Amino acid sequence: MQRLKYFYKRHALTVTLLFFGLLSIAMVAIVYLQPNKILSGSDYHRIENLALSIKQGEWFPRISYFFIGGRGYAAGLFYPDAFLYLPAILRVVGLSIKESFIVFAIAINFSTFLITYISGKLADFNKKQALIFSLMYGLSIYRFADLVNRQAIGEVIALTFFPLMIVMLTRLKKGEHRYWYLLSIGMAAIGYSHMISVEIMGIVIIIYTLLNLKRFYQNKSLKYLIAAGLLAIGLLGRYFLAVGEQMATTIFQVTAQPLAFLSDRTLPFKDIVVNSLTNAVFHANTVNVGITILLGLGIACGLFYYSKNDRDLIGIALGLFIATTSIMPWHLLDHTIINTIQFPWRFFAIITAIVSYLVAKDECHLLKNKYYFYLLILLLGAGNVIYSTNSIQNQSWRFRTNAAYNTPNPYYIGAGHEYLPAQTDYQKILRHKKQVIKYQPHKIKITNVRHTWGRYQFDFRTLTDQKAVVEVPFIYYKGYVAELNHHQRLPMQMNKRTGLTQVALKGTGRITVYYRTTTIQRIGTVISLLSFGMLIIIIYKEKRRATK
């Protein structure tokens, strides 16, 4: 035993990283490493699209032509894919979709454990506390359900950075300004993973700041918080400007026909408690935080008056827990921008991060008792094993063979079809999958039609003195251009009945239709690059200042 302790002291970091690696594999083994089958989700389709785009030489696709049978869906515009390059490149070099996804899932787990552990060290936790922080959060039921049951890739990547955000807020509150830029990096990383999570984290930051406004001002932390916010906005400029331009020019189904209203997605307080106490397998009516986080929240609330420094976090966690229930009058916000959150239970991610932090902080000094420490780890591990086993039993219908999983349906774009133009009839597209260029034969003659990845080309000759409208089977997004004879660009519009792309032609010539980044998108990219350069300068100066 003494030799083991000595070995651990000398190689603590190596042992910790190895432990995180083994744990990352074990978490997905039961549900993802089944022989000749895998528990299926939906977001993995985005990996296949990015891989196919890379193979076509398009490394930063705005429009995803794998989707809707080649008609194109703006997944690259509205759903950030910055972290999907790892599995996409693995796919390009020859791994199957299943193999690429499993490696990616393991990498997400490992990154979550590691970043949470580092966040714990930033919070001045000792090794044991930092380890508990990592395990509490990394093995939490909500995060596990997000990874395994929902397979919401964007959201589960965003969750990786939640602990860092909580810790950085507490540091600024205490007047610890060193590493303040990590708040910007964390927010940008969340944004390039899952934009709804930015909205959720933004709400929490605003609430936390208002609760501690006096302390932020007294500790001269307010300017660092504002600077971090502005820097994060700059880093996310590439996304914000691109999406803003699209939303300003086109009405999408996300606003015309919302997937969900917040008021319809709450659960009774009693049901959430019961589901959490039993670690119920994820479903719309069984979503929960898990028994460990629920008990941790209960203990934290019980110690509210003794935890003077963390009353704000306890209050936020409890308030958000109540907000996920039917007690909260969400119907008042159903038709506001807040409704873009879609599901109130997404706040469970914040609750999980806060409670994990509070348990690891251990103001009651329970972690000094080795039996409590090992019991907590056992509870977390057993909870995940039981949850995985129950997922296999209760959701066996979601298992697909390797062959089926490795040939994803290109017409599946999620349940809400949020970013199709409001005029697009998705069901009609499914009924009529054949893609054809539509025009009036008595007004124009079309010949030599060629369709390649993201591009239509054809020759035309109008038969009258008037312009003839030609509809190209691409879903319309601002940025499509019609290039006449390889040099002149003609304006393209959206067909108000179908949501497809169309162009008015006159005379003769050769037309090439393709998507081209807009001026606004290029400005956004420049802003993000300049902000990144500023971040590098800030880190360099902060390091020099710390050295001096």
Protein backbone atom coordinates (compact mmCIF):
# COMPACT_ATOMS: atom_id res chain seq x y z
CA MET A 1 0.00 0.00 0.00
CA GLN A 2 2.81 2.40 0.87
CA ARG A 3 4.49 1.68 -2.46
CA LEU A 4 1.25 2.45 -4.30
CA LYS A 5 0.89 5.75 -2.45
CA TYR A 6 4.49 6.63 -3.24
CA PHE A 7 4.02 5.72 -6.90
CA TYR A 8 0.87 7.82 -7.09
CA LYS A 9 2.58 10.85 -5.55
CA ARG A 10 5.40 10.63 -8.09
CA HIS A 11 3.13 10.01 -11.09
CA ALA A 12 -0.16 11.61 -9.98
CA LEU A 13 -0.87 13.36 -13.28
CA THR A 14 -0.10 10.29 -15.41
CA VAL A 15 -2.24 8.06 -13.22
CA THR A 16 -5.09 10.57 -13.29
CA LEU A 17 -5.01 10.88 -17.08
CA LEU A 18 -4.88 7.09 -17.48
CA PHE A 19 -7.83 6.76 -15.12
CA PHE A 20 -9.82 9.34 -17.10
CA GLY A 21 -8.98 7.49 -20.32
CA LEU A 22 -10.15 4.11 -19.02
CA LEU A 23 -13.27 5.68 -17.55
CA SER A 24 -14.03 7.43 -20.84
CA ILE A 25 -13.96 4.09 -22.64
CA ALA A 26 -15.95 2.28 -19.96
CA MET A 27 -18.75 4.87 -20.10
CA VAL A 28 -19.57 4.07 -23.73
CA ALA A 29 -18.63 0.41 -23.78
CA ILE A 30 -22.00 -1.02 -22.77
CA VAL A 31 -24.10 0.93 -25.27
CA TYR A 32 -21.68 1.58 -28.15
CA LEU A 33 -19.43 -1.48 -28.22
CA GLN A 34 -22.14 -4.06 -28.79
CA PRO A 35 -21.18 -6.69 -31.42
CA ASN A 36 -22.58 -5.78 -34.84
CA LYS A 37 -24.99 -3.16 -33.48
CA ILE A 38 -25.02 0.26 -31.87
CA LEU A 39 -27.50 2.46 -30.03
CA SER A 40 -28.50 4.97 -32.69
CA GLY A 41 -29.08 8.71 -32.52
CA SER A 42 -29.50 11.42 -35.13
CA ASP A 43 -26.75 14.02 -34.87
CA TYR A 44 -24.09 11.65 -36.21
CA HIS A 45 -25.47 12.46 -39.66
CA ARG A 46 -23.62 15.79 -39.38
CA ILE A 47 -20.32 13.90 -39.13
CA GLU A 48 -21.02 12.11 -42.40
CA ASN A 49 -21.93 15.38 -44.10
CA LEU A 50 -18.73 17.10 -42.97
CA ALA A 51 -16.65 14.11 -44.07
CA LEU A 52 -18.26 14.13 -47.52
CA SER A 53 -17.74 17.90 -47.80
CA ILE A 54 -14.04 17.49 -46.98
CA LYS A 55 -13.76 14.80 -49.63
CA GLN A 56 -15.20 17.31 -52.11
CA GLY A 57 -12.49 19.80 -51.12
CA GLU A 58 -14.91 21.95 -49.12
CA TRP A 59 -13.36 22.23 -45.66
CA PHE A 60 -15.70 24.86 -44.24
CA PRO A 61 -19.12 24.05 -45.68
CA ARG A 62 -21.97 26.46 -45.09
CA ILE A 63 -24.56 24.30 -46.85
CA SER A 64 -24.74 20.56 -46.17
CA TYR A 65 -25.44 18.79 -49.45
CA PHE A 66 -25.56 15.35 -47.90
CA PHE A 67 -28.94 16.35 -46.50
CA ILE A 68 -32.30 16.29 -48.26
CA GLY A 69 -30.92 14.20 -51.07
CA GLY A 70 -28.56 16.90 -52.35
CA ARG A 71 -30.96 19.84 -52.06
CA GLY A 72 -28.80 21.22 -49.28
CA TYR A 73 -29.58 22.11 -45.67
CA ALA A 74 -27.77 24.96 -43.91
CA ALA A 75 -26.51 22.82 -41.04
CA GLY A 76 -23.05 24.35 -41.41
CA LEU A 77 -24.53 27.82 -40.93
CA PHE A 78 -26.89 27.18 -38.03
CA TYR A 79 -25.26 24.24 -36.26
CA PRO A 80 -21.58 24.91 -35.47
CA ASP A 81 -19.34 22.01 -36.46
CA ALA A 82 -15.94 23.24 -35.21
CA PHE A 83 -15.49 20.17 -33.00
CA LEU A 84 -16.76 17.66 -35.55
CA TYR A 85 -13.56 17.67 -37.59
CA LEU A 86 -12.02 14.90 -35.48
CA PRO A 87 -14.63 12.25 -36.34
CA ALA A 88 -15.05 13.64 -39.86
CA ILE A 89 -11.34 13.29 -40.64
CA LEU A 90 -11.33 9.80 -39.11
CA ARG A 91 -14.17 9.03 -41.50
CA VAL A 92 -12.21 10.48 -44.44
CA VAL A 93 -9.15 8.34 -43.70
CA GLY A 94 -11.20 5.16 -43.75
CA LEU A 95 -12.93 4.48 -40.44
CA SER A 96 -16.62 3.64 -40.52
CA ILE A 97 -19.19 6.08 -39.14
CA LYS A 98 -19.62 3.86 -36.08
CA GLU A 99 -15.89 3.69 -35.40
CA SER A 100 -15.47 7.43 -35.91
CA PHE A 101 -18.37 8.22 -33.60
CA ILE A 102 -17.16 5.89 -30.84
CA VAL A 103 -13.67 7.45 -30.89
CA PHE A 104 -15.31 10.87 -30.80
CA ALA A 105 -17.57 9.92 -27.86
CA ILE A 106 -14.53 8.69 -25.91
CA ALA A 107 -12.70 11.94 -26.73
CA ILE A 108 -15.66 14.00 -25.48
CA ASN A 109 -15.71 12.05 -22.22
CA PHE A 110 -11.98 12.42 -21.71
CA SER A 111 -12.09 16.15 -22.47
CA THR A 112 -14.94 16.61 -20.00
CA PHE A 113 -13.08 14.84 -17.20
CA LEU A 114 -9.85 16.71 -17.93
CA ILE A 115 -11.33 20.22 -18.30
CA THR A 116 -13.42 19.75 -15.17
CA TYR A 117 -10.33 18.58 -13.29
CA ILE A 118 -8.35 21.61 -14.49
CA SER A 119 -11.28 23.83 -13.52
CA GLY A 120 -11.13 22.31 -10.05
CA LYS A 121 -7.45 23.20 -9.75
CA LEU A 122 -8.31 26.77 -10.84
CA ALA A 123 -10.81 26.78 -7.97
CA ASP A 124 -7.92 25.91 -5.61
CA PHE A 125 -9.23 22.40 -5.02
CA ASN A 126 -6.78 19.75 -3.88
CA LYS A 127 -6.33 16.59 -5.98
CA LYS A 128 -9.11 14.72 -4.23
CA GLN A 129 -11.56 17.60 -4.60
CA ALA A 130 -10.65 18.13 -8.25
CA LEU A 131 -11.13 14.40 -8.88
CA ILE A 132 -14.57 14.43 -7.23
CA PHE A 133 -15.50 17.49 -9.29
CA SER A 134 -14.55 15.60 -12.48
CA LEU A 135 -16.36 12.41 -11.52
CA MET A 136 -19.49 14.13 -10.22
CA TYR A 137 -19.87 16.09 -13.42
CA GLY A 138 -18.44 13.67 -15.99
CA LEU A 139 -20.51 10.74 -14.69
CA SER A 140 -23.67 12.77 -14.10
CA ILE A 141 -26.87 11.21 -15.38
CA TYR A 142 -28.02 14.22 -17.39
CA ARG A 143 -24.73 14.45 -19.29
CA PHE A 144 -24.70 10.70 -19.77
CA ALA A 145 -28.27 10.76 -21.13
CA ASP A 146 -27.26 13.58 -23.48
CA LEU A 147 -24.38 11.48 -24.79
CA VAL A 148 -26.05 8.07 -24.94
CA ASN A 149 -29.82 8.49 -25.23
CA ARG A 150 -30.28 11.83 -26.95
CA GLN A 151 -26.90 11.72 -28.69
CA ALA A 152 -27.16 15.50 -28.95
CA ILE A 153 -23.57 15.94 -30.11
CA GLY A 154 -23.52 19.72 -30.09
CA GLU A 155 -25.02 20.01 -26.64
CA VAL A 156 -22.86 17.33 -25.05
CA ILE A 157 -19.72 19.04 -26.40
CA ALA A 158 -20.92 22.36 -24.99
CA LEU A 159 -21.43 20.72 -21.59
CA THR A 160 -17.68 20.03 -21.53
CA PHE A 161 -17.03 23.70 -20.75
CA PHE A 162 -19.78 24.41 -18.19
CA PRO A 163 -17.59 23.64 -15.14
CA LEU A 164 -14.92 26.05 -16.40
CA MET A 165 -17.52 28.81 -16.71
CA ILE A 166 -18.81 28.27 -13.16
CA VAL A 167 -15.30 28.30 -11.71
CA MET A 168 -14.25 31.42 -13.62
CA LEU A 169 -17.33 33.29 -12.38
CA THR A 170 -16.48 32.40 -8.78
CA ARG A 171 -12.88 33.51 -9.31
CA LEU A 172 -13.94 36.92 -10.62
CA LYS A 173 -16.34 37.28 -7.74
CA LYS A 174 -13.41 36.80 -5.34
CA GLY A 175 -11.35 39.36 -7.26
CA GLU A 176 -9.02 36.80 -8.82
CA HIS A 177 -8.46 38.30 -12.25
CA ARG A 178 -5.71 36.04 -13.53
CA TYR A 179 -6.85 33.84 -16.42
CA TRP A 180 -9.99 35.99 -16.88
CA TYR A 181 -9.76 35.32 -20.62
CA LEU A 182 -10.69 31.68 -19.97
CA LEU A 183 -14.23 32.97 -19.57
CA SER A 184 -14.10 34.16 -23.19
CA ILE A 185 -12.54 30.91 -24.39
CA GLY A 186 -15.16 28.85 -22.56
CA MET A 187 -18.05 30.89 -23.94
CA ALA A 188 -16.66 30.75 -27.47
CA ALA A 189 -16.13 26.99 -27.19
CA ILE A 190 -19.74 26.57 -26.03
CA GLY A 191 -20.91 28.74 -28.92
CA TYR A 192 -19.01 26.76 -31.52
CA SER A 193 -20.58 23.61 -30.06
CA HIS A 194 -24.21 24.48 -29.43
CA MET A 195 -25.70 27.96 -29.64
CA ILE A 196 -28.66 27.27 -27.36
CA SER A 197 -26.17 26.47 -24.61
CA VAL A 198 -24.68 29.96 -25.08
CA GLU A 199 -28.13 31.39 -24.42
CA ILE A 200 -28.51 29.27 -21.29
CA MET A 201 -25.05 30.13 -19.99
CA GLY A 202 -25.66 33.80 -20.80
CA ILE A 203 -28.78 33.78 -18.62
CA VAL A 204 -26.80 32.25 -15.75
CA ILE A 205 -23.97 34.79 -16.12
CA ILE A 206 -26.44 37.68 -16.03
CA ILE A 207 -28.18 36.32 -12.93
CA TYR A 208 -24.87 35.62 -11.16
CA THR A 209 -23.57 39.09 -12.00
CA LEU A 210 -26.69 40.82 -10.74
CA LEU A 211 -26.58 38.85 -7.49
CA ASN A 212 -22.94 39.86 -6.98
CA LEU A 213 -22.89 43.25 -8.70
CA LYS A 214 -21.55 45.04 -5.63
CA ARG A 215 -18.72 42.55 -5.14
CA PHE A 216 -17.83 42.56 -8.82
CA TYR A 217 -17.58 46.35 -8.66
CA GLN A 218 -15.60 46.40 -5.41
CA ASN A 219 -13.16 43.75 -6.64
CA LYS A 220 -12.70 45.58 -9.94
CA SER A 221 -13.91 42.44 -11.69
CA LEU A 222 -16.72 44.07 -13.62
CA LYS A 223 -14.38 45.37 -16.32
CA TYR A 224 -12.88 41.91 -16.78
CA LEU A 225 -16.35 40.39 -17.06
CA ILE A 226 -17.35 42.96 -19.69
CA ALA A 227 -14.05 42.47 -21.55
CA ALA A 228 -14.54 38.70 -21.50
CA GLY A 229 -18.05 39.11 -22.87
CA LEU A 230 -16.99 41.42 -25.69
CA LEU A 231 -14.08 39.15 -26.60
CA ALA A 232 -16.40 36.13 -26.67
CA ILE A 233 -18.82 37.98 -28.95
CA GLY A 234 -15.91 38.83 -31.25
CA LEU A 235 -14.72 35.23 -31.32
CA LEU A 236 -18.26 34.15 -32.22
CA GLY A 237 -18.64 36.88 -34.83
CA ARG A 238 -18.34 34.37 -37.67
CA TYR A 239 -21.44 32.59 -36.39
CA PHE A 240 -23.52 35.53 -35.15
CA LEU A 241 -23.27 37.60 -38.33
CA ALA A 242 -23.91 34.64 -40.63
CA VAL A 243 -27.00 33.51 -38.73
CA GLY A 244 -28.23 37.07 -38.23
CA GLU A 245 -28.07 37.71 -41.97
CA GLN A 246 -30.08 34.58 -42.75
CA MET A 247 -32.70 35.31 -40.08
CA ALA A 248 -33.06 38.89 -41.30
CA THR A 249 -33.72 37.86 -44.90
CA THR A 250 -35.72 34.63 -44.56
CA ILE A 251 -38.49 33.36 -42.29
CA PHE A 252 -37.57 29.88 -41.11
CA GLN A 253 -39.68 27.16 -39.57
CA VAL A 254 -37.95 27.69 -36.21
CA THR A 255 -40.01 30.87 -35.85
CA ALA A 256 -42.97 30.09 -38.10
CA GLN A 257 -43.54 26.59 -36.71
CA PRO A 258 -41.58 26.15 -33.44
CA LEU A 259 -40.62 22.59 -32.56
CA ALA A 260 -41.74 23.07 -28.97
CA PHE A 261 -43.08 25.60 -26.51
CA LEU A 262 -41.43 25.84 -23.13
CA SER A 263 -44.76 25.53 -21.32
CA ASP A 264 -45.42 22.17 -22.99
CA ARG A 265 -42.08 20.66 -21.94
CA THR A 266 -42.22 21.01 -18.16
CA LEU A 267 -42.88 18.19 -15.73
CA PRO A 268 -44.52 18.15 -12.29
CA PHE A 269 -42.07 18.75 -9.44
CA LYS A 270 -42.88 15.36 -7.92
CA ASP A 271 -42.18 13.49 -11.18
CA ILE A 272 -38.75 15.08 -11.61
CA VAL A 273 -37.81 14.17 -8.04
CA VAL A 274 -38.99 10.57 -8.43
CA ASN A 275 -37.28 10.20 -11.82
CA SER A 276 -34.04 11.57 -10.36
CA LEU A 277 -34.14 9.26 -7.34
CA THR A 278 -34.47 6.27 -9.66
CA ASN A 279 -32.03 7.47 -12.38
CA ALA A 280 -34.84 6.96 -14.89
CA VAL A 281 -33.78 6.34 -18.48
CA PHE A 282 -34.17 9.47 -20.59
CA HIS A 283 -37.47 10.19 -22.24
CA ALA A 284 -39.45 13.40 -22.66
CA ASN A 285 -41.49 12.43 -19.59
CA THR A 286 -38.66 10.96 -17.50
CA VAL A 287 -35.83 13.49 -17.90
CA ASN A 288 -33.96 14.03 -14.63
CA VAL A 289 -30.70 15.06 -12.94
CA GLY A 290 -29.96 11.71 -11.30
CA ILE A 291 -29.93 10.72 -7.66
CA THR A 292 -26.40 11.98 -6.89
CA ILE A 293 -27.00 15.51 -8.14
CA LEU A 294 -30.47 15.63 -6.55
CA LEU A 295 -29.09 14.62 -3.15
CA GLY A 296 -26.22 17.06 -3.57
CA LEU A 297 -28.68 19.87 -4.33
CA GLY A 298 -30.77 18.91 -1.30
CA ILE A 299 -27.71 18.98 1.00
CA ALA A 300 -26.59 22.31 -0.48
CA CYS A 301 -30.02 23.84 0.15
CA GLY A 302 -29.95 22.48 3.69
CA LEU A 303 -26.62 24.23 4.27
CA PHE A 304 -27.74 27.49 2.64
CA TYR A 305 -27.31 29.60 5.76
CA TYR A 306 -23.89 28.11 6.50
CA SER A 307 -22.51 28.57 2.98
CA LYS A 308 -22.16 32.33 2.92
CA ASN A 309 -19.87 32.39 -0.10
CA ASP A 310 -22.02 30.09 -2.23
CA ARG A 311 -25.55 31.17 -1.49
CA ASP A 312 -25.74 32.69 -4.95
CA LEU A 313 -24.89 29.39 -6.66
CA ILE A 314 -27.25 27.44 -4.40
CA GLY A 315 -30.03 29.91 -5.14
CA ILE A 316 -29.40 29.71 -8.90
CA ALA A 317 -29.33 25.89 -8.87
CA LEU A 318 -32.55 25.66 -6.84
CA GLY A 319 -34.23 28.35 -8.93
CA LEU A 320 -33.35 26.60 -12.17
CA PHE A 321 -34.55 23.28 -10.77
CA ILE A 322 -37.93 24.85 -10.01
CA ALA A 323 -37.88 26.48 -13.46
CA THR A 324 -37.81 23.03 -15.09
CA THR A 325 -41.10 22.13 -13.40
CA SER A 326 -44.68 23.16 -14.13
CA ILE A 327 -44.45 25.62 -11.22
CA MET A 328 -42.73 28.08 -13.56
CA PRO A 329 -45.22 30.08 -15.71
CA TRP A 330 -43.38 29.45 -18.97
CA HIS A 331 -46.49 30.22 -21.00
CA LEU A 332 -45.67 33.91 -20.50
CA LEU A 333 -42.46 33.38 -22.51
CA ASP A 334 -43.69 30.95 -25.16
CA HIS A 335 -43.65 33.60 -27.87
CA THR A 336 -40.42 35.33 -26.90
CA ILE A 337 -36.80 34.71 -27.88
CA ILE A 338 -36.42 32.69 -24.65
CA ASN A 339 -38.55 29.98 -26.28
CA THR A 340 -35.56 29.11 -28.48
CA ILE A 341 -34.28 27.15 -25.45
CA GLN A 342 -37.08 24.70 -26.40
CA PHE A 343 -36.80 22.48 -23.30
CA PRO A 344 -36.65 23.90 -19.74
CA TRP A 345 -34.89 20.74 -18.56
CA ARG A 346 -31.79 21.90 -20.45
CA PHE A 347 -31.12 23.86 -17.25
CA PHE A 348 -30.23 20.50 -15.67
CA ALA A 349 -26.78 20.91 -17.25
CA ILE A 350 -26.15 24.11 -15.25
CA ILE A 351 -27.58 22.55 -12.09
CA THR A 352 -25.27 19.56 -12.54
CA ALA A 353 -22.19 21.77 -12.94
CA ILE A 354 -23.07 23.90 -9.89
CA VAL A 355 -23.88 20.97 -7.61
CA SER A 356 -20.74 19.11 -8.70
CA TYR A 357 -18.73 22.22 -7.81
CA LEU A 358 -20.42 22.57 -4.41
CA VAL A 359 -19.95 18.90 -3.52
CA ALA A 360 -16.28 19.03 -4.50
CA LYS A 361 -15.74 22.27 -2.58
CA ASP A 362 -16.83 20.27 0.47
CA GLU A 363 -17.34 22.99 3.04
CA CYS A 364 -18.48 20.31 5.50
CA HIS A 365 -15.13 18.47 5.05
CA LEU A 366 -16.86 15.17 4.30
CA LEU A 367 -14.21 14.16 1.78
CA LYS A 368 -11.71 13.74 4.61
CA ASN A 369 -13.65 10.60 5.48
CA LYS A 370 -12.34 7.97 3.06
CA TYR A 371 -15.54 5.93 3.38
CA TYR A 372 -17.62 8.87 2.19
CA PHE A 373 -15.16 9.43 -0.67
CA TYR A 374 -15.31 5.82 -1.88
CA LEU A 375 -19.08 5.62 -1.36
CA LEU A 376 -19.55 8.65 -3.56
CA ILE A 377 -17.39 7.16 -6.33
CA LEU A 378 -19.22 3.83 -6.02
CA LEU A 379 -22.58 5.57 -6.25
CA LEU A 380 -21.50 7.41 -9.40
CA GLY A 381 -20.04 4.34 -11.07
CA ALA A 382 -22.90 2.04 -10.18
CA GLY A 383 -25.40 4.65 -11.30
CA ASN A 384 -23.86 4.77 -14.77
CA VAL A 385 -23.66 0.98 -15.13
CA ILE A 386 -27.28 0.56 -14.07
CA TYR A 387 -28.38 3.41 -16.32
CA SER A 388 -26.53 1.93 -19.31
CA THR A 389 -28.05 -1.49 -18.71
CA ASN A 390 -31.54 -0.02 -18.38
CA SER A 391 -31.01 1.98 -21.57
CA ILE A 392 -30.27 -1.23 -23.46
CA GLN A 393 -33.34 -2.95 -22.03
CA ASN A 394 -35.78 -0.04 -22.30
CA GLN A 395 -34.64 1.32 -25.65
CA SER A 396 -33.77 -1.80 -27.58
CA TRP A 397 -35.77 -0.41 -30.51
CA ARG A 398 -33.04 2.21 -31.00
CA PHE A 399 -30.36 -0.37 -31.76
CA ARG A 400 -29.32 -0.59 -35.39
CA THR A 401 -27.00 -2.97 -37.16
CA ASN A 402 -23.57 -1.70 -38.12
CA ALA A 403 -24.57 -1.77 -41.79
CA ALA A 404 -27.67 0.34 -41.17
CA TYR A 405 -25.81 2.76 -38.91
CA ASN A 406 -23.04 3.21 -41.45
CA THR A 407 -25.53 4.17 -44.17
CA PRO A 408 -27.39 7.13 -42.61
CA ASN A 409 -30.58 8.44 -44.16
CA PRO A 410 -29.72 11.69 -45.99
CA TYR A 411 -33.33 12.88 -45.74
CA TYR A 412 -33.31 12.93 -41.94
CA ILE A 413 -32.55 16.46 -40.68
CA GLY A 414 -33.93 16.28 -37.15
CA ALA A 415 -37.42 16.43 -35.75
CA GLY A 416 -38.03 20.15 -36.13
CA HIS A 417 -36.57 20.96 -39.56
CA GLU A 418 -35.96 24.31 -37.86
CA TYR A 419 -33.87 25.96 -40.54
CA LEU A 420 -35.89 25.14 -43.60
CA PRO A 421 -37.64 28.19 -45.06
CA ALA A 422 -41.21 28.47 -43.78
CA GLN A 423 -42.52 27.81 -47.32
CA THR A 424 -40.73 24.49 -47.68
CA ASP A 425 -43.01 21.44 -47.55
CA TYR A 426 -40.68 18.78 -46.15
CA GLN A 427 -43.24 16.00 -46.46
CA LYS A 428 -43.74 16.84 -50.12
CA ILE A 429 -39.99 16.54 -50.67
CA LEU A 430 -40.06 13.08 -49.09
CA ARG A 431 -42.88 12.05 -51.42
CA HIS A 432 -41.15 13.43 -54.51
CA LYS A 433 -37.44 12.79 -54.07
CA LYS A 434 -36.52 13.15 -57.70
CA GLN A 435 -34.72 16.45 -58.29
CA VAL A 436 -35.61 18.34 -61.43
CA ILE A 437 -35.05 21.84 -62.73
CA LYS A 438 -38.47 23.41 -63.28
CA TYR A 439 -39.30 25.95 -65.96
CA GLN A 440 -41.91 26.78 -68.59
CA PRO A 441 -40.89 25.03 -71.85
CA HIS A 442 -42.73 27.57 -74.01
CA LYS A 443 -40.60 30.39 -72.55
CA ILE A 444 -37.15 28.86 -72.23
CA LYS A 445 -35.17 25.85 -73.45
CA ILE A 446 -32.80 24.10 -70.99
CA THR A 447 -30.09 21.68 -72.17
CA ASN A 448 -26.90 19.97 -70.94
CA VAL A 449 -27.99 19.84 -67.28
CA ARG A 450 -25.17 18.71 -64.98
CA HIS A 451 -25.53 18.23 -61.22
CA THR A 452 -22.48 17.78 -59.01
CA TRP A 453 -21.89 18.27 -55.26
CA GLY A 454 -23.42 21.68 -54.43
CA ARG A 455 -23.58 22.82 -58.04
CA TYR A 456 -26.02 22.86 -60.97
CA GLN A 457 -24.94 23.82 -64.47
CA PHE A 458 -27.04 24.08 -67.62
CA ASP A 459 -27.30 25.88 -70.97
CA PHE A 460 -30.36 27.99 -71.72
CA ARG A 461 -32.05 29.94 -74.50
CA THR A 462 -35.16 32.02 -73.92
CA LEU A 463 -37.92 31.72 -76.54
CA THR A 464 -39.61 35.08 -75.88
CA ASP A 465 -38.58 38.66 -75.28
CA GLN A 466 -39.46 38.36 -71.60
CA LYS A 467 -37.43 36.90 -68.74
CA ALA A 468 -38.10 33.27 -67.90
CA VAL A 469 -37.95 31.96 -64.33
CA VAL A 470 -36.00 28.74 -63.70
CA GLU A 471 -36.28 26.92 -60.38
CA VAL A 472 -33.18 25.01 -59.27
CA PRO A 473 -33.73 22.24 -56.66
CA PHE A 474 -31.63 23.81 -53.92
CA ILE A 475 -33.24 24.92 -50.64
CA TYR A 476 -32.92 28.71 -50.66
CA TYR A 477 -30.47 30.47 -48.35
CA LYS A 478 -28.99 33.89 -48.87
CA GLY A 479 -25.68 33.41 -50.64
CA TYR A 480 -26.73 31.38 -53.67
CA VAL A 481 -25.50 32.87 -56.93
CA ALA A 482 -26.18 32.18 -60.61
CA GLU A 483 -23.03 32.70 -62.62
CA LEU A 484 -23.66 33.51 -66.29
CA ASN A 485 -20.95 32.34 -68.69
CA HIS A 486 -18.49 32.03 -65.78
CA HIS A 487 -18.15 35.77 -65.13
CA GLN A 488 -21.44 37.64 -64.60
CA ARG A 489 -23.45 36.96 -61.41
CA LEU A 490 -27.22 37.17 -61.57
CA PRO A 491 -29.42 37.74 -58.49
CA MET A 492 -31.24 34.71 -57.12
CA GLN A 493 -34.46 34.68 -55.18
CA MET A 494 -36.54 32.24 -53.19
CA ASN A 495 -39.64 30.74 -54.72
CA LYS A 496 -42.33 31.98 -52.31
CA ARG A 497 -44.36 28.79 -52.79
CA THR A 498 -41.69 26.10 -52.47
CA GLY A 499 -38.77 27.69 -50.59
CA LEU A 500 -36.43 26.63 -53.41
CA THR A 501 -33.93 28.73 -55.34
CA GLN A 502 -34.89 30.41 -58.60
CA VAL A 503 -33.37 32.81 -61.13
CA ALA A 504 -34.83 34.94 -63.94
CA LEU A 505 -33.02 34.50 -67.29
CA LYS A 506 -33.10 36.17 -70.68
CA GLY A 507 -31.11 35.52 -73.83
CA THR A 508 -28.68 32.62 -74.15
CA GLY A 509 -25.75 31.32 -72.15
CA ARG A 510 -24.48 28.86 -69.60
CA ILE A 511 -25.58 29.14 -65.97
CA THR A 512 -23.77 27.74 -62.93
CA VAL A 513 -25.67 27.82 -59.61
CA TYR A 514 -23.74 27.40 -56.37
CA TYR A 515 -23.45 28.79 -52.84
CA ARG A 516 -20.94 31.54 -52.22
CA THR A 517 -20.07 33.08 -48.85
CA THR A 518 -21.68 36.48 -48.50
CA THR A 519 -19.95 39.76 -47.66
CA ILE A 520 -21.47 39.68 -44.17
CA GLN A 521 -20.13 36.15 -43.63
CA ARG A 522 -16.65 37.22 -44.69
CA ILE A 523 -16.80 40.22 -42.34
CA GLY A 524 -17.81 37.87 -39.51
CA THR A 525 -14.84 35.61 -40.25
CA VAL A 526 -12.47 38.59 -40.20
CA ILE A 527 -13.89 39.75 -36.86
CA SER A 528 -13.41 36.29 -35.37
CA LEU A 529 -9.83 36.07 -36.66
CA LEU A 530 -9.00 39.54 -35.31
CA SER A 531 -10.56 38.60 -31.98
CA PHE A 532 -8.51 35.42 -31.91
CA GLY A 533 -5.37 37.44 -32.57
CA MET A 534 -6.34 39.78 -29.74
CA LEU A 535 -6.83 36.75 -27.48
CA ILE A 536 -3.30 35.54 -28.24
CA ILE A 537 -1.91 38.99 -27.42
CA ILE A 538 -3.88 39.09 -24.16
CA ILE A 539 -2.61 35.65 -23.11
CA TYR A 540 0.97 36.67 -23.94
CA LYS A 541 0.71 39.89 -21.94
CA GLU A 542 -0.94 38.15 -18.99
CA LYS A 543 1.85 35.56 -18.90
CA ARG A 544 4.52 38.27 -18.99
CA ARG A 545 2.79 40.14 -16.20
CA ALA A 546 2.54 36.97 -14.10
CA THR A 547 6.25 36.25 -14.69
CA LYS A 548 7.23 39.72 -13.54
